[in-house]
């Protein structure tokens, strides 16, 4: 269980509490578990357990932006021109909706 607690410290080059050992060992275990789908199985199990108790409410979903970062290679992503046009149109529509909801704009 010690390495499970350490997985929260699996930052390459990062400092981790001594009790968890070297960061590269922690990261190696974390990466191995991620590839094997261990975290997905845990999440699915927790959701199933909560659903069995009637405690699942997916109307509110939150993503902590401190962990949802793009890889530095994502900056050069190629997007299909048609998809980009649709996305830009959706953003423009959303901005229009927001402006109508705010008086004085």
Foldseek 3Di string as FASTA:
>chain_A
DLLVVCLVVLDVVGDGPPSSPDSVVSVVVNVVCVVVCVVVVVVVVVQVVCVVVVNDDPPDDDDDVVPPDDDPVCVPDDDDPVVVVVVVVVVVVVVVVVVVVDPPD
